[in-house]
Amino acid sequence: MEKYYIAVISAAKGLGSARVRKLIQIFGSAKDVWTAEQGDIEKAGLPKDVLKSFLEFRKKNPYAVEKLITYCAAEKIKICSIVDDDYPPILKEIKSPPAVFYYYGTLEPFANRIGMVGTRDNTEYGKKVAQEIAEELAAAGFTIVSGAARGIDSYSHKGAMKYGRTVAVLGCGIAYAFSMPNAKLIHEITENGVVMTDYKPSQRPSAETFPARNRIIAGLSRGVIVVEAGHKSGALITCGYAGDYGRDVFAVPGRVDSDKSVGCHELIRDGVILIKNAADVLEYYNVPPSKITAEKNVGDNKNVGDNKFIGDIKNVGDVKNISGRKNIDDEIAKLEGVEKKVFDAIPSGDFITVDEILMAVEDVLPDEISSVLLQLELKNLIINKDDEYSRN
């Protein structure tokens, strides 16, 4: 029930994520915020205009929570709030994480995600590059995050769905999205990942909703890849958020005379990571290539995995075993402190629950464990299957 109260409170004008979280901290729960006496609300320190708006909203919508529950059940819309266990831990790290979001599909809170963004008015080159990079990264275990817009966003989603999962973050309400031109793609994504938004279901898109949406794309992602972006492309806003959040930013170069690549070239000039293909990203993160990427690299006589091509290897799987195992061993050797203790408690060849890990490692707090497990996953040291863990 708490998440529905959070969702209703968040719908009040002026009550952004930070203020909602502050109110919950003051009153103890979102339900207590919604049912609090007016005098107590007035003491909570809200700006006068926000206070007035919230009190009027609450008075006009006394059954808002019950209506939202009924509506979501009828439309099969799911809600995740910042206090729920399936809220992605990486998203909590950003400056203003959404207090609540609506979604279709299946959440994987600890997924290894990477964002892909770019122009709506792409070239054939951009389409080809976006699809290929998304395909290969998805095949290697990354979940591709993008904005479900036409152009590079759409091709990134389509590429990802060929071999894996994708997440679409909307700049409008989730119900409104199915009346848009790309409704078919959005429906396909719900079956191959997640479609999500922090806007109320009926919210129409506007010039203001998309930049705010971009912060979630960056917040969910380990890094962000830009494929074709003009000088003032909205994709550059996503990169700005990514930089603020300490995420990696990658850019694909294009033709020097193409206005569709000006933004990418400016990013590269300013120091972001230049990539040519998915193999560059996998090498950067020390992630073993999938069979698809490895076969391409073997065919082209390119470097694979740890940047040392093994010319005599006939089985692509051997490339993963040699370069991938070396990278994993290197990462294990670097572990220290709590990460090392948690890793040592996780078996190889068998799965263990979070509760069992906590029992085995006495000085790890329940509040810490999700973050530690996420870091081990990102380093490709452990596998998460149905919220149970094993060594990779």
Protein backbone atom coordinates (compact mmCIF):
# COMPACT_ATOMS: atom_id res chain seq x y z
CA MET A 1 0.00 0.00 0.00
CA GLU A 2 2.81 2.43 0.81
CA LYS A 3 3.87 2.76 -2.82
CA TYR A 4 0.38 3.87 -3.84
CA TYR A 5 0.42 6.61 -1.21
CA ILE A 6 3.85 7.70 -2.48
CA ALA A 7 2.51 7.76 -6.05
CA VAL A 8 -0.51 9.87 -5.09
CA ILE A 9 1.55 12.35 -3.09
CA SER A 10 4.03 12.64 -5.96
CA ALA A 11 1.19 13.61 -8.29
CA ALA A 12 0.57 16.83 -6.34
CA LYS A 13 1.96 19.92 -8.07
CA GLY A 14 5.31 21.04 -6.70
CA LEU A 15 6.00 17.89 -4.69
CA GLY A 16 9.05 16.56 -6.45
CA SER A 17 10.99 13.48 -5.42
CA ALA A 18 13.14 15.28 -2.84
CA ARG A 19 10.16 16.88 -1.08
CA VAL A 20 8.21 13.63 -1.07
CA ARG A 21 11.13 11.84 0.57
CA LYS A 22 11.51 14.65 3.10
CA LEU A 23 7.83 14.45 4.06
CA ILE A 24 8.03 10.68 4.46
CA GLN A 25 11.05 11.12 6.71
CA ILE A 26 9.18 13.65 8.86
CA PHE A 27 5.92 11.70 9.19
CA GLY A 28 7.27 8.16 9.06
CA SER A 29 5.33 6.94 6.01
CA ALA A 30 3.57 8.23 2.91
CA LYS A 31 0.25 7.09 4.36
CA ASP A 32 0.84 9.27 7.41
CA VAL A 33 1.66 12.22 5.14
CA TRP A 34 -1.60 11.76 3.25
CA THR A 35 -3.71 11.43 6.41
CA ALA A 36 -1.89 14.01 8.56
CA GLU A 37 -3.74 16.94 10.12
CA GLN A 38 -3.48 20.19 8.19
CA GLY A 39 -1.68 21.86 11.08
CA ASP A 40 1.01 19.19 11.08
CA ILE A 41 1.48 19.52 7.32
CA GLU A 42 1.87 23.27 7.72
CA LYS A 43 4.77 22.67 10.13
CA ALA A 44 6.65 20.49 7.61
CA GLY A 45 8.45 23.43 6.00
CA LEU A 46 6.95 23.33 2.52
CA PRO A 47 7.00 26.54 0.45
CA LYS A 48 3.66 28.35 0.74
CA ASP A 49 2.58 27.73 -2.84
CA VAL A 50 3.47 24.02 -2.65
CA LEU A 51 1.72 23.67 0.71
CA LYS A 52 -1.43 25.31 -0.64
CA SER A 53 -1.37 23.15 -3.76
CA PHE A 54 -0.93 19.92 -1.77
CA LEU A 55 -3.71 20.70 0.70
CA GLU A 56 -6.10 21.56 -2.13
CA PHE A 57 -5.10 18.44 -4.05
CA ARG A 58 -5.67 16.24 -1.02
CA LYS A 59 -9.06 17.86 -0.31
CA LYS A 60 -10.26 17.43 -3.91
CA ASN A 61 -9.06 13.81 -4.16
CA PRO A 62 -9.97 12.07 -0.90
CA TYR A 63 -10.15 8.65 -2.57
CA ALA A 64 -7.10 9.09 -4.83
CA VAL A 65 -5.26 6.09 -3.39
CA GLU A 66 -8.20 3.71 -3.78
CA LYS A 67 -8.80 4.96 -7.33
CA LEU A 68 -5.15 4.48 -8.27
CA ILE A 69 -5.12 0.92 -6.94
CA THR A 70 -8.25 0.10 -8.96
CA TYR A 71 -6.92 1.79 -12.08
CA CYS A 72 -3.54 0.04 -11.97
CA ALA A 73 -5.18 -3.34 -11.41
CA ALA A 74 -7.51 -2.81 -14.38
CA GLU A 75 -4.71 -1.63 -16.70
CA LYS A 76 -2.14 -4.12 -15.31
CA ILE A 77 0.21 -1.24 -14.51
CA LYS A 78 2.85 -1.96 -11.87
CA ILE A 79 4.30 0.56 -9.42
CA CYS A 80 7.71 0.57 -7.78
CA SER A 81 8.62 3.03 -5.03
CA ILE A 82 11.97 3.98 -3.59
CA VAL A 83 11.22 1.98 -0.43
CA ASP A 84 10.57 -1.25 -2.34
CA ASP A 85 13.13 -4.07 -2.54
CA ASP A 86 12.98 -4.20 -6.35
CA TYR A 87 13.88 -0.52 -6.80
CA PRO A 88 17.21 -0.50 -8.73
CA PRO A 89 19.97 0.36 -6.22
CA ILE A 90 22.02 2.18 -8.86
CA LEU A 91 19.13 4.62 -9.42
CA LYS A 92 19.13 5.57 -5.74
CA GLU A 93 22.65 6.95 -6.19
CA ILE A 94 21.60 9.94 -8.30
CA LYS A 95 20.85 13.39 -6.96
CA SER A 96 17.09 13.21 -7.47
CA PRO A 97 15.92 9.59 -7.83
CA PRO A 98 12.23 9.25 -8.63
CA ALA A 99 10.22 8.51 -5.51
CA VAL A 100 8.05 6.21 -7.58
CA PHE A 101 7.75 4.94 -11.13
CA TYR A 102 5.10 3.13 -13.13
CA TYR A 103 6.09 0.24 -15.36
CA TYR A 104 5.18 -2.71 -17.54
CA GLY A 105 7.39 -5.76 -17.83
CA THR A 106 9.77 -7.46 -15.42
CA LEU A 107 12.20 -5.51 -13.25
CA GLU A 108 15.72 -6.80 -12.75
CA PRO A 109 17.02 -4.37 -10.12
CA PHE A 110 20.63 -5.58 -10.28
CA ALA A 111 20.91 -5.81 -14.08
CA ASN A 112 24.11 -4.64 -15.76
CA ARG A 113 22.72 -1.73 -17.80
CA ILE A 114 24.16 0.65 -20.36
CA GLY A 115 22.33 3.58 -21.95
CA MET A 116 22.22 4.26 -25.68
CA VAL A 117 20.97 7.58 -27.03
CA GLY A 118 21.15 9.68 -30.17
CA THR A 119 19.32 11.72 -32.76
CA ARG A 120 15.76 11.04 -33.90
CA ASP A 121 16.78 11.93 -37.47
CA ASN A 122 19.48 9.31 -37.95
CA THR A 123 21.44 8.27 -41.03
CA GLU A 124 21.76 4.69 -42.32
CA TYR A 125 25.20 4.63 -40.73
CA GLY A 126 23.73 5.56 -37.34
CA LYS A 127 21.02 2.94 -37.65
CA LYS A 128 23.53 0.20 -38.49
CA VAL A 129 25.95 1.15 -35.70
CA ALA A 130 23.23 1.48 -33.05
CA GLN A 131 21.68 -1.87 -33.87
CA GLU A 132 24.99 -3.72 -34.01
CA ILE A 133 26.32 -2.28 -30.75
CA ALA A 134 23.03 -2.97 -28.96
CA GLU A 135 22.85 -6.52 -30.30
CA GLU A 136 26.36 -7.40 -29.19
CA LEU A 137 26.15 -5.74 -25.79
CA ALA A 138 22.82 -7.46 -25.09
CA ALA A 139 24.29 -10.79 -26.16
CA ALA A 140 27.13 -10.20 -23.67
CA GLY A 141 24.69 -9.65 -20.82
CA PHE A 142 24.08 -5.89 -20.80
CA THR A 143 20.55 -4.51 -20.62
CA ILE A 144 20.20 -1.59 -23.04
CA VAL A 145 18.45 1.53 -21.69
CA SER A 146 17.03 4.16 -24.02
CA GLY A 147 14.12 6.55 -24.43
CA ALA A 148 11.80 4.80 -26.94
CA ALA A 149 11.91 7.79 -29.31
CA ARG A 150 12.19 7.31 -33.05
CA GLY A 151 15.67 7.14 -34.52
CA ILE A 152 18.70 5.90 -32.55
CA ASP A 153 16.60 5.10 -29.45
CA SER A 154 14.34 2.76 -31.40
CA TYR A 155 17.17 1.02 -33.23
CA SER A 156 19.00 0.52 -29.94
CA HIS A 157 15.92 -1.13 -28.41
CA LYS A 158 15.39 -3.31 -31.48
CA GLY A 159 19.01 -4.41 -31.53
CA ALA A 160 18.93 -5.30 -27.85
CA MET A 161 15.78 -7.38 -28.17
CA LYS A 162 17.42 -9.62 -30.75
CA TYR A 163 19.62 -11.23 -28.09
CA GLY A 164 18.60 -9.85 -24.71
CA ARG A 165 16.74 -7.26 -22.66
CA THR A 166 16.05 -3.56 -22.94
CA VAL A 167 14.54 -0.80 -20.80
CA ALA A 168 12.53 2.10 -22.25
CA VAL A 169 12.24 5.22 -20.10
CA LEU A 170 9.32 7.37 -21.25
CA GLY A 171 8.92 11.14 -21.28
CA CYS A 172 5.17 10.78 -20.79
CA GLY A 173 2.63 8.74 -18.85
CA ILE A 174 2.68 5.00 -19.40
CA ALA A 175 -0.95 4.89 -20.54
CA TYR A 176 -0.43 7.76 -22.99
CA ALA A 177 2.55 5.97 -24.58
CA PHE A 178 0.33 3.38 -26.23
CA SER A 179 -1.37 6.07 -28.30
CA MET A 180 1.95 7.24 -29.78
CA PRO A 181 3.32 6.24 -33.23
CA ASN A 182 5.88 3.84 -31.72
CA ALA A 183 3.27 2.00 -29.63
CA LYS A 184 4.11 -1.31 -31.34
CA LEU A 185 7.75 -1.05 -30.27
CA ILE A 186 6.75 -0.13 -26.72
CA HIS A 187 4.49 -3.19 -26.56
CA GLU A 188 7.36 -5.41 -27.76
CA ILE A 189 9.66 -3.97 -25.11
CA THR A 190 7.21 -4.89 -22.33
CA GLU A 191 7.73 -8.51 -23.38
CA ASN A 192 11.53 -8.23 -23.53
CA GLY A 193 12.31 -5.99 -20.58
CA VAL A 194 10.71 -2.94 -19.00
CA VAL A 195 8.82 0.18 -20.06
CA MET A 196 8.88 2.70 -17.21
CA THR A 197 8.18 6.34 -16.33
CA ASP A 198 7.95 8.50 -13.24
CA TYR A 199 5.09 10.51 -14.75
CA LYS A 200 1.47 9.77 -13.83
CA PRO A 201 -0.20 7.44 -16.37
CA SER A 202 -2.15 10.14 -18.23
CA GLN A 203 0.74 12.66 -18.51
CA ARG A 204 1.20 14.02 -22.04
CA PRO A 205 4.75 14.55 -23.36
CA SER A 206 6.12 18.08 -23.50
CA ALA A 207 9.38 19.97 -23.91
CA GLU A 208 9.86 19.77 -20.13
CA THR A 209 9.23 16.06 -19.65
CA PHE A 210 12.02 14.71 -21.86
CA PRO A 211 15.06 16.33 -20.18
CA ALA A 212 13.78 15.08 -16.80
CA ARG A 213 13.33 11.63 -18.34
CA ASN A 214 16.98 11.67 -19.46
CA ARG A 215 18.21 11.76 -15.85
CA ILE A 216 16.64 8.33 -15.29
CA ILE A 217 18.30 6.86 -18.40
CA ALA A 218 21.67 8.04 -17.07
CA GLY A 219 20.81 7.05 -13.50
CA LEU A 220 19.93 3.46 -14.42
CA SER A 221 23.05 2.97 -16.51
CA ARG A 222 26.64 2.09 -15.82
CA GLY A 223 27.60 4.19 -18.83
CA VAL A 224 25.94 6.00 -21.74
CA ILE A 225 26.78 5.55 -25.43
CA VAL A 226 25.96 8.31 -27.93
CA VAL A 227 25.43 7.28 -31.55
CA GLU A 228 24.86 10.32 -33.79
CA ALA A 229 23.91 13.57 -32.09
CA GLY A 230 23.65 17.10 -33.43
CA HIS A 231 25.08 20.19 -31.79
CA LYS A 232 22.02 20.70 -29.56
CA SER A 233 20.75 17.12 -29.40
CA GLY A 234 18.76 16.03 -26.37
CA ALA A 235 21.17 13.08 -26.18
CA LEU A 236 23.79 15.51 -24.90
CA ILE A 237 21.55 16.30 -21.93
CA THR A 238 21.66 12.61 -21.01
CA CYS A 239 25.46 12.75 -21.25
CA GLY A 240 25.49 15.75 -18.93
CA TYR A 241 23.52 13.83 -16.33
CA ALA A 242 25.79 10.81 -16.80
CA GLY A 243 28.85 12.94 -16.15
CA ASP A 244 27.26 14.46 -13.04
CA TYR A 245 26.45 10.98 -11.72
CA GLY A 246 29.96 9.65 -12.31
CA ARG A 247 28.87 7.35 -15.14
CA ASP A 248 31.06 6.60 -18.15
CA VAL A 249 30.27 8.41 -21.41
CA PHE A 250 31.13 6.86 -24.78
CA ALA A 251 30.72 8.42 -28.23
CA VAL A 252 30.81 6.87 -31.70
CA PRO A 253 32.55 9.06 -34.30
CA GLY A 254 30.83 9.75 -37.62
CA ARG A 255 31.52 11.57 -40.86
CA VAL A 256 33.33 14.85 -40.30
CA ASP A 257 30.96 16.61 -42.70
CA SER A 258 27.74 15.26 -41.13
CA ASP A 259 25.72 17.55 -38.87
CA LYS A 260 24.36 14.38 -37.24
CA SER A 261 27.78 13.68 -35.73
CA VAL A 262 28.74 17.16 -34.55
CA GLY A 263 27.62 16.43 -30.98
CA CYS A 264 29.58 13.16 -30.84
CA HIS A 265 32.72 14.85 -32.13
CA GLU A 266 32.37 17.63 -29.57
CA LEU A 267 32.07 15.03 -26.80
CA ILE A 268 35.18 13.22 -28.04
CA ARG A 269 37.06 16.52 -28.23
CA ASP A 270 36.05 17.19 -24.62
CA GLY A 271 37.44 13.89 -23.42
CA VAL A 272 34.71 11.22 -23.45
CA ILE A 273 35.64 7.69 -24.50
CA LEU A 274 35.75 7.08 -28.25
CA ILE A 275 34.40 3.69 -29.31
CA LYS A 276 34.07 2.06 -32.70
CA ASN A 277 32.00 -0.96 -31.73
CA ALA A 278 30.66 -3.10 -28.89
CA ALA A 279 34.03 -4.83 -28.48
CA ASP A 280 35.54 -1.54 -27.31
CA VAL A 281 32.89 -1.24 -24.57
CA LEU A 282 33.30 -4.86 -23.47
CA GLU A 283 37.07 -4.45 -23.31
CA TYR A 284 36.69 -1.26 -21.25
CA TYR A 285 34.56 -3.10 -18.66
CA ASN A 286 36.58 -6.34 -18.81
CA VAL A 287 33.46 -8.22 -19.86
CA PRO A 288 34.08 -11.35 -21.95
CA PRO A 289 32.65 -11.02 -25.46
CA SER A 290 29.63 -13.03 -26.48
CA LYS A 291 30.01 -15.60 -29.23
CA ILE A 292 28.65 -13.03 -31.68
CA THR A 293 31.29 -10.40 -30.88
CA ALA A 294 34.09 -12.94 -30.61
CA GLU A 295 33.29 -14.43 -34.01
CA LYS A 296 33.32 -10.99 -35.60
CA ASN A 297 36.68 -10.21 -34.02
CA VAL A 298 38.18 -13.55 -34.98
CA GLY A 299 36.97 -13.06 -38.52
CA ASP A 300 38.51 -9.60 -38.72
CA ASN A 301 41.74 -10.70 -36.93
CA LYS A 302 41.00 -8.08 -34.24
CA ASN A 303 41.86 -8.08 -30.58
CA VAL A 304 39.57 -10.05 -28.34
CA GLY A 305 38.95 -9.80 -24.59
CA ASP A 306 42.24 -8.76 -23.00
CA ASN A 307 43.49 -7.17 -26.26
CA LYS A 308 45.76 -10.11 -27.21
CA PHE A 309 44.49 -12.02 -30.22
CA ILE A 310 45.13 -15.74 -30.00
CA GLY A 311 45.70 -16.73 -33.61
CA ASP A 312 45.67 -20.50 -33.10
CA ILE A 313 42.37 -20.68 -31.20
CA LYS A 314 39.75 -22.52 -33.23
CA ASN A 315 36.92 -22.57 -30.71
CA VAL A 316 35.45 -19.13 -29.94
CA GLY A 317 34.56 -20.38 -26.48
CA ASP A 318 38.29 -20.69 -25.75
CA VAL A 319 38.67 -16.95 -26.25
CA LYS A 320 36.19 -16.36 -23.42
CA ASN A 321 37.88 -18.97 -21.25
CA ILE A 322 41.34 -17.44 -21.64
CA SER A 323 40.77 -13.67 -21.70
CA GLY A 324 37.60 -13.71 -19.60
CA ARG A 325 39.09 -15.91 -16.87
CA LYS A 326 42.18 -13.72 -16.70
CA ASN A 327 40.06 -10.60 -16.25
CA ILE A 328 37.96 -12.26 -13.54
CA ASP A 329 41.05 -13.45 -11.66
CA ASP A 330 42.50 -9.93 -11.84
CA GLU A 331 39.30 -8.45 -10.38
CA ILE A 332 39.23 -11.05 -7.58
CA ALA A 333 42.80 -10.17 -6.65
CA LYS A 334 41.79 -6.51 -6.26
CA LEU A 335 38.95 -7.21 -3.83
CA GLU A 336 39.31 -6.00 -0.28
CA GLY A 337 37.24 -5.17 2.78
CA VAL A 338 33.52 -5.92 2.74
CA GLU A 339 33.49 -6.81 -0.97
CA LYS A 340 36.09 -9.54 -0.42
CA LYS A 341 34.23 -10.94 2.60
CA VAL A 342 30.94 -11.12 0.68
CA PHE A 343 32.63 -12.65 -2.37
CA ASP A 344 34.39 -15.27 -0.22
CA ALA A 345 31.00 -16.25 1.25
CA ILE A 346 29.49 -16.94 -2.19
CA PRO A 347 30.05 -20.49 -3.49
CA SER A 348 31.12 -21.56 -6.96
CA GLY A 349 28.77 -23.90 -8.78
CA ASP A 350 25.93 -23.41 -6.32
CA PHE A 351 23.59 -20.52 -5.48
CA ILE A 352 23.13 -18.81 -2.13
CA THR A 353 20.46 -16.39 -0.89
CA VAL A 354 21.03 -12.89 0.48
CA ASP A 355 19.99 -14.06 3.95
CA GLU A 356 22.56 -16.85 3.83
CA ILE A 357 25.26 -14.37 2.81
CA LEU A 358 24.32 -12.09 5.72
CA MET A 359 24.56 -15.03 8.11
CA ALA A 360 28.00 -15.94 6.79
CA VAL A 361 29.40 -12.39 6.93
CA GLU A 362 28.62 -10.95 10.35
CA ASP A 363 29.88 -7.40 9.87
CA VAL A 364 27.80 -6.61 6.75
CA LEU A 365 24.59 -4.72 7.41
CA PRO A 366 21.36 -5.56 5.54
CA ASP A 367 21.32 -2.00 4.17
CA GLU A 368 24.79 -2.52 2.65
CA ILE A 369 24.39 -5.91 1.05
CA SER A 370 22.47 -4.85 -2.08
CA SER A 371 25.11 -2.30 -3.01
CA VAL A 372 27.99 -4.75 -2.41
CA LEU A 373 26.33 -7.48 -4.49
CA LEU A 374 25.67 -4.98 -7.29
CA GLN A 375 29.34 -4.00 -7.38
CA LEU A 376 30.39 -7.66 -7.58
CA GLU A 377 27.92 -8.21 -10.40
CA LEU A 378 29.20 -5.18 -12.31
CA LYS A 379 32.70 -6.61 -12.01
CA ASN A 380 31.34 -9.83 -13.56
CA LEU A 381 32.43 -11.84 -10.50
CA ILE A 382 29.03 -13.21 -9.48
CA ILE A 383 25.81 -14.26 -11.17
CA ASN A 384 22.34 -13.27 -9.98
CA LYS A 385 19.59 -15.79 -10.72
CA ASP A 386 16.20 -15.24 -9.14
CA ASP A 387 17.85 -13.21 -6.33
CA GLU A 388 20.30 -16.01 -5.51
CA TYR A 389 24.01 -15.67 -6.12
CA SER A 390 26.88 -17.80 -7.34
CA ARG A 391 30.42 -17.10 -8.49
CA ASN A 392 30.90 -16.56 -12.21
